[in-house]
Structures are given as structure tokens and as C-alpha cells.
N, C-alpha and C. Protein backbone atom coordinates (compact mmCIF):
# COMPACT_ATOMS: atom_id res chain seq x y z
N MET A 1 -9.72 119.93 74.42
CA MET A 1 -10.90 119.41 75.10
C MET A 1 -11.88 118.77 74.11
N LEU A 2 -12.08 119.44 72.94
CA LEU A 2 -12.99 118.89 71.94
C LEU A 2 -12.51 117.52 71.46
N ARG A 3 -11.21 117.35 71.34
CA ARG A 3 -10.64 116.07 70.91
C ARG A 3 -11.00 114.97 71.91
N LYS A 4 -10.92 115.28 73.20
CA LYS A 4 -11.25 114.29 74.24
C LYS A 4 -12.74 113.96 74.23
N ILE A 5 -13.58 114.98 74.07
CA ILE A 5 -15.03 114.75 74.03
C ILE A 5 -15.39 113.92 72.81
N ALA A 6 -14.78 114.24 71.67
CA ALA A 6 -15.05 113.47 70.45
C ALA A 6 -14.63 112.02 70.62
N ALA A 7 -13.47 111.79 71.23
CA ALA A 7 -12.97 110.42 71.41
C ALA A 7 -13.88 109.62 72.32
N VAL A 8 -14.30 110.21 73.44
CA VAL A 8 -15.17 109.51 74.38
C VAL A 8 -16.55 109.27 73.74
N SER A 9 -17.07 110.27 73.06
CA SER A 9 -18.37 110.12 72.39
C SER A 9 -18.30 109.03 71.33
N LEU A 10 -17.22 108.99 70.58
CA LEU A 10 -17.06 107.97 69.54
C LEU A 10 -16.97 106.58 70.17
N ALA A 11 -16.23 106.46 71.26
CA ALA A 11 -16.09 105.16 71.91
C ALA A 11 -17.42 104.67 72.50
N VAL A 12 -18.12 105.53 73.22
CA VAL A 12 -19.39 105.12 73.84
C VAL A 12 -20.44 104.83 72.77
N SER A 13 -20.51 105.68 71.74
CA SER A 13 -21.50 105.44 70.70
C SER A 13 -21.17 104.17 69.92
N PHE A 14 -19.88 103.87 69.74
CA PHE A 14 -19.51 102.61 69.08
C PHE A 14 -19.99 101.42 69.91
N VAL A 15 -19.78 101.46 71.21
CA VAL A 15 -20.22 100.36 72.07
C VAL A 15 -21.74 100.21 72.00
N ALA A 16 -22.46 101.34 72.03
CA ALA A 16 -23.93 101.29 71.95
C ALA A 16 -24.39 100.73 70.61
N MET A 17 -23.79 101.21 69.53
CA MET A 17 -24.17 100.72 68.19
C MET A 17 -23.83 99.24 68.03
N ALA A 18 -22.64 98.86 68.49
CA ALA A 18 -22.22 97.47 68.34
C ALA A 18 -23.10 96.53 69.16
N THR A 19 -23.36 96.87 70.41
CA THR A 19 -24.16 95.97 71.25
C THR A 19 -25.61 95.91 70.80
N SER A 20 -26.19 97.06 70.45
CA SER A 20 -27.59 97.02 69.99
C SER A 20 -27.68 96.31 68.64
N GLY A 21 -26.71 96.52 67.77
CA GLY A 21 -26.70 95.84 66.48
C GLY A 21 -26.54 94.34 66.62
N ILE A 22 -25.64 93.91 67.51
CA ILE A 22 -25.45 92.47 67.74
C ILE A 22 -26.71 91.86 68.33
N MET A 23 -27.33 92.57 69.28
CA MET A 23 -28.56 92.05 69.87
C MET A 23 -29.65 91.90 68.81
N MET A 24 -29.78 92.90 67.92
CA MET A 24 -30.80 92.81 66.87
C MET A 24 -30.47 91.69 65.89
N PHE A 25 -29.18 91.42 65.69
CA PHE A 25 -28.76 90.35 64.80
C PHE A 25 -29.07 88.99 65.42
N VAL A 26 -28.82 88.84 66.71
CA VAL A 26 -29.01 87.57 67.41
C VAL A 26 -30.50 87.30 67.65
N VAL A 27 -31.21 88.31 68.13
CA VAL A 27 -32.65 88.16 68.39
C VAL A 27 -33.38 88.62 67.12
N GLU A 28 -33.64 87.69 66.24
CA GLU A 28 -34.20 88.02 64.93
C GLU A 28 -35.72 88.13 65.00
N LYS A 29 -36.19 89.10 65.74
CA LYS A 29 -37.63 89.36 65.85
C LYS A 29 -37.86 90.83 65.54
N PRO A 30 -38.74 91.12 64.59
CA PRO A 30 -39.02 92.53 64.27
C PRO A 30 -39.46 93.34 65.49
N SER A 31 -40.19 92.70 66.41
CA SER A 31 -40.63 93.43 67.60
C SER A 31 -39.43 93.86 68.45
N PHE A 32 -38.42 93.00 68.55
CA PHE A 32 -37.23 93.36 69.32
C PHE A 32 -36.44 94.46 68.60
N THR A 33 -36.38 94.37 67.27
CA THR A 33 -35.69 95.39 66.49
C THR A 33 -36.36 96.75 66.72
N LEU A 34 -37.69 96.77 66.76
CA LEU A 34 -38.40 98.01 67.04
C LEU A 34 -38.09 98.54 68.44
N GLN A 35 -37.93 97.64 69.39
CA GLN A 35 -37.58 98.06 70.76
C GLN A 35 -36.20 98.70 70.79
N MET A 36 -35.25 98.11 70.07
CA MET A 36 -33.86 98.59 70.11
C MET A 36 -33.62 99.77 69.18
N HIS A 37 -34.53 100.00 68.23
CA HIS A 37 -34.33 101.03 67.22
C HIS A 37 -34.03 102.42 67.80
N PRO A 38 -34.76 102.90 68.83
CA PRO A 38 -34.44 104.23 69.36
C PRO A 38 -33.01 104.34 69.90
N VAL A 39 -32.54 103.30 70.57
CA VAL A 39 -31.16 103.31 71.08
C VAL A 39 -30.19 103.33 69.91
N HIS A 40 -30.41 102.43 68.96
CA HIS A 40 -29.51 102.30 67.81
C HIS A 40 -29.48 103.60 66.99
N LYS A 41 -30.64 104.19 66.78
CA LYS A 41 -30.74 105.41 65.98
C LYS A 41 -30.10 106.61 66.70
N THR A 42 -30.39 106.77 67.98
CA THR A 42 -29.85 107.89 68.74
C THR A 42 -28.32 107.84 68.81
N PHE A 43 -27.80 106.67 69.17
CA PHE A 43 -26.34 106.56 69.28
C PHE A 43 -25.68 106.52 67.90
N GLY A 44 -26.44 106.14 66.87
CA GLY A 44 -25.93 106.23 65.51
C GLY A 44 -25.69 107.68 65.12
N LEU A 45 -26.63 108.55 65.45
CA LEU A 45 -26.46 109.97 65.17
C LEU A 45 -25.29 110.56 65.96
N LEU A 46 -25.19 110.16 67.24
CA LEU A 46 -24.05 110.62 68.04
C LEU A 46 -22.74 110.13 67.45
N MET A 47 -22.73 108.89 66.96
CA MET A 47 -21.52 108.33 66.38
C MET A 47 -21.12 109.09 65.12
N VAL A 48 -22.08 109.46 64.29
CA VAL A 48 -21.78 110.24 63.08
C VAL A 48 -21.18 111.59 63.46
N ALA A 49 -21.79 112.27 64.42
CA ALA A 49 -21.26 113.57 64.84
C ALA A 49 -19.85 113.43 65.43
N ALA A 50 -19.66 112.43 66.28
CA ALA A 50 -18.35 112.22 66.89
C ALA A 50 -17.31 111.83 65.84
N ALA A 51 -17.72 111.00 64.87
CA ALA A 51 -16.78 110.60 63.81
C ALA A 51 -16.38 111.79 62.96
N LEU A 52 -17.35 112.65 62.63
CA LEU A 52 -17.02 113.85 61.86
C LEU A 52 -16.06 114.75 62.63
N ALA A 53 -16.30 114.91 63.92
CA ALA A 53 -15.39 115.71 64.75
C ALA A 53 -14.01 115.06 64.78
N HIS A 54 -13.98 113.75 64.99
CA HIS A 54 -12.71 113.02 65.04
C HIS A 54 -11.95 113.15 63.71
N LEU A 55 -12.66 112.98 62.60
CA LEU A 55 -12.01 113.10 61.28
C LEU A 55 -11.48 114.51 61.04
N SER A 56 -12.26 115.52 61.41
CA SER A 56 -11.79 116.89 61.19
C SER A 56 -10.59 117.22 62.08
N LEU A 57 -10.58 116.68 63.30
CA LEU A 57 -9.46 116.94 64.21
C LEU A 57 -8.21 116.14 63.84
N ASN A 58 -8.37 115.07 63.09
CA ASN A 58 -7.25 114.20 62.75
C ASN A 58 -7.07 114.03 61.24
N PHE A 59 -7.49 115.05 60.48
CA PHE A 59 -7.49 114.95 59.02
C PHE A 59 -6.09 114.72 58.46
N ARG A 60 -5.11 115.42 58.98
CA ARG A 60 -3.74 115.26 58.47
C ARG A 60 -3.24 113.83 58.68
N GLY A 61 -3.53 113.27 59.82
CA GLY A 61 -3.12 111.89 60.09
C GLY A 61 -3.79 110.90 59.16
N LEU A 62 -5.07 111.12 58.89
CA LEU A 62 -5.81 110.24 57.97
C LEU A 62 -5.19 110.29 56.57
N ILE A 63 -4.90 111.49 56.11
CA ILE A 63 -4.28 111.65 54.79
C ILE A 63 -2.91 110.95 54.76
N ALA A 64 -2.16 111.07 55.84
CA ALA A 64 -0.85 110.39 55.91
C ALA A 64 -1.02 108.88 55.83
N HIS A 65 -2.04 108.34 56.49
CA HIS A 65 -2.30 106.90 56.42
C HIS A 65 -2.66 106.48 55.00
N LEU A 66 -3.46 107.30 54.33
CA LEU A 66 -3.92 106.96 52.98
C LEU A 66 -2.80 107.04 51.94
N ARG A 67 -1.70 107.66 52.29
CA ARG A 67 -0.56 107.71 51.36
C ARG A 67 0.16 106.37 51.30
N THR A 68 -0.09 105.50 52.27
CA THR A 68 0.47 104.15 52.25
C THR A 68 -0.38 103.33 51.28
N ARG A 69 0.25 102.76 50.28
CA ARG A 69 -0.49 102.07 49.21
C ARG A 69 -1.40 100.97 49.75
N SER A 70 -0.91 100.13 50.64
CA SER A 70 -1.72 99.02 51.14
C SER A 70 -2.95 99.53 51.90
N VAL A 71 -2.80 100.61 52.62
CA VAL A 71 -3.93 101.18 53.35
C VAL A 71 -4.94 101.78 52.38
N ALA A 72 -4.45 102.45 51.34
CA ALA A 72 -5.34 103.02 50.34
C ALA A 72 -6.11 101.93 49.59
N VAL A 73 -5.43 100.83 49.27
CA VAL A 73 -6.10 99.71 48.59
C VAL A 73 -7.15 99.10 49.51
N TYR A 74 -6.78 98.87 50.76
CA TYR A 74 -7.71 98.31 51.74
C TYR A 74 -8.93 99.21 51.90
N GLY A 75 -8.73 100.51 52.03
CA GLY A 75 -9.84 101.45 52.14
C GLY A 75 -10.72 101.43 50.90
N SER A 76 -10.10 101.33 49.74
CA SER A 76 -10.86 101.28 48.48
C SER A 76 -11.71 100.01 48.41
N VAL A 77 -11.16 98.89 48.86
CA VAL A 77 -11.91 97.64 48.87
C VAL A 77 -13.11 97.75 49.82
N LEU A 78 -12.90 98.35 50.98
CA LEU A 78 -14.01 98.53 51.93
C LEU A 78 -15.10 99.42 51.34
N VAL A 79 -14.71 100.49 50.67
CA VAL A 79 -15.70 101.38 50.04
C VAL A 79 -16.46 100.62 48.96
N ALA A 80 -15.76 99.82 48.16
CA ALA A 80 -16.42 99.04 47.11
C ALA A 80 -17.41 98.04 47.72
N LEU A 81 -17.02 97.39 48.82
CA LEU A 81 -17.92 96.46 49.51
C LEU A 81 -19.15 97.19 50.05
N LEU A 82 -18.94 98.38 50.58
CA LEU A 82 -20.07 99.17 51.10
C LEU A 82 -21.05 99.52 49.99
N VAL A 83 -20.51 99.98 48.86
CA VAL A 83 -21.37 100.34 47.71
C VAL A 83 -22.12 99.10 47.23
N ALA A 84 -21.44 97.97 47.15
CA ALA A 84 -22.08 96.73 46.71
C ALA A 84 -23.18 96.30 47.69
N ALA A 85 -22.90 96.41 48.98
CA ALA A 85 -23.90 96.04 49.99
C ALA A 85 -25.14 96.93 49.89
N TYR A 86 -24.93 98.23 49.69
CA TYR A 86 -26.07 99.13 49.49
C TYR A 86 -26.83 98.75 48.23
N GLY A 87 -26.12 98.42 47.17
CA GLY A 87 -26.77 98.02 45.93
C GLY A 87 -27.63 96.80 46.10
N VAL A 88 -27.11 95.80 46.79
CA VAL A 88 -27.88 94.57 47.04
C VAL A 88 -29.10 94.88 47.91
N ALA A 89 -28.90 95.69 48.95
CA ALA A 89 -30.01 96.02 49.85
C ALA A 89 -31.11 96.79 49.14
N ILE A 90 -30.73 97.72 48.28
CA ILE A 90 -31.72 98.52 47.56
C ILE A 90 -32.52 97.65 46.58
N GLN A 91 -31.87 96.66 45.99
CA GLN A 91 -32.55 95.79 45.04
C GLN A 91 -33.51 94.81 45.72
N LYS A 92 -33.29 94.55 46.99
CA LYS A 92 -34.12 93.61 47.75
C LYS A 92 -35.28 94.39 48.37
N THR A 93 -36.37 94.52 47.62
CA THR A 93 -37.48 95.34 48.08
C THR A 93 -38.44 94.51 48.95
N VAL A 94 -39.13 95.21 49.81
CA VAL A 94 -40.16 94.61 50.66
C VAL A 94 -41.49 94.84 49.94
N PRO A 95 -42.33 93.81 49.87
CA PRO A 95 -43.64 93.99 49.23
C PRO A 95 -44.39 95.17 49.85
N ALA A 96 -45.08 95.95 49.00
CA ALA A 96 -45.72 97.20 49.43
C ALA A 96 -46.68 97.01 50.61
N ASP A 97 -47.51 95.96 50.57
CA ASP A 97 -48.47 95.75 51.66
C ASP A 97 -47.75 95.42 52.97
N LEU A 98 -46.71 94.64 52.90
CA LEU A 98 -45.93 94.31 54.10
C LEU A 98 -45.20 95.55 54.61
N ALA A 99 -44.65 96.35 53.71
CA ALA A 99 -43.96 97.57 54.11
C ALA A 99 -44.89 98.52 54.84
N ARG A 100 -46.12 98.65 54.33
CA ARG A 100 -47.10 99.52 55.00
C ARG A 100 -47.41 99.00 56.40
N GLN A 101 -47.59 97.70 56.55
CA GLN A 101 -47.86 97.12 57.87
C GLN A 101 -46.69 97.36 58.82
N MET A 102 -45.48 97.15 58.33
CA MET A 102 -44.30 97.35 59.16
C MET A 102 -44.14 98.82 59.55
N ASP A 103 -44.35 99.72 58.60
CA ASP A 103 -44.26 101.15 58.90
C ASP A 103 -45.31 101.58 59.91
N ALA A 104 -46.51 101.03 59.78
CA ALA A 104 -47.59 101.36 60.73
C ALA A 104 -47.25 100.83 62.13
N ALA A 105 -46.70 99.60 62.18
CA ALA A 105 -46.32 99.04 63.48
C ALA A 105 -45.21 99.84 64.12
N ALA A 106 -44.24 100.28 63.32
CA ALA A 106 -43.14 101.10 63.85
C ALA A 106 -43.66 102.43 64.36
N ALA A 107 -44.58 103.06 63.61
CA ALA A 107 -45.15 104.34 64.04
C ALA A 107 -45.93 104.17 65.34
N LYS A 108 -46.67 103.08 65.46
CA LYS A 108 -47.43 102.81 66.68
C LYS A 108 -46.49 102.59 67.86
N ALA A 109 -45.41 101.85 67.63
CA ALA A 109 -44.44 101.59 68.70
C ALA A 109 -43.79 102.89 69.15
N ASP A 110 -43.46 103.78 68.19
CA ASP A 110 -42.87 105.09 68.55
C ASP A 110 -43.86 105.96 69.30
N ALA A 111 -45.14 105.90 68.92
CA ALA A 111 -46.16 106.72 69.57
C ALA A 111 -46.44 106.25 71.00
N ASP A 112 -46.25 104.96 71.27
CA ASP A 112 -46.52 104.41 72.59
C ASP A 112 -45.43 104.78 73.60
N ASP A 113 -44.30 105.26 73.12
CA ASP A 113 -43.19 105.61 74.05
C ASP A 113 -43.44 106.87 74.77
């Protein structure tokens, strides 16, 4: 039963994350991003929990997949790209005064809900 719940949770949270993320990508307005943030954040947390459950329930299968050289190389490349993307994002800082304004606007938007 836990396997079925994890699979459904992972699927629904993926759809929520994908659609909210695509909408935020297409509608490039900080105000819209603030509107979508609660949905994206909530289903992001659900997706992490469901993915952890899925990985723990299917750990042997994952290890079997990783024993295939091409899959291991592909996974390694994806991890390297993720680390590089985080590195680039961390280096791209927002000016302090703008960050404070954005944080205040986000806090106000959360308080109005």
C-alpha cells in the first residue's frame, strides 16, 4: 500500500511542480512567482517525501540500474550539471537593497493569505 501511495504522491506532486514551474517560467513576473510559490513549495515538499519513499522502496532496483556503465555515466553527468548550476546560481547575487525589498514583498504576500 505504501508503494502505491508513494507512486501516486510522486506523480501528482511532479505534475504540480512541473506545471507551476512552467507557468513561473513563462509568466516572468515576480508578482506571479509570489502567487505560485505556495503551490510550488508545498508540492515540492510532498515530492521530496514521495521520492524518498519511492527510493527506499526501490533501492535494489536503483542500484541494479547504476551497475550499467552508461546509466552510471549519465547519472554522474546529471549530478555534475546540478552542482555546476548551483555554483552559478550562488555566484549570481542579488543586490542587498533589492533582496530586502523582495523579501519584504514576499513576507507581505504570505501574510495577506
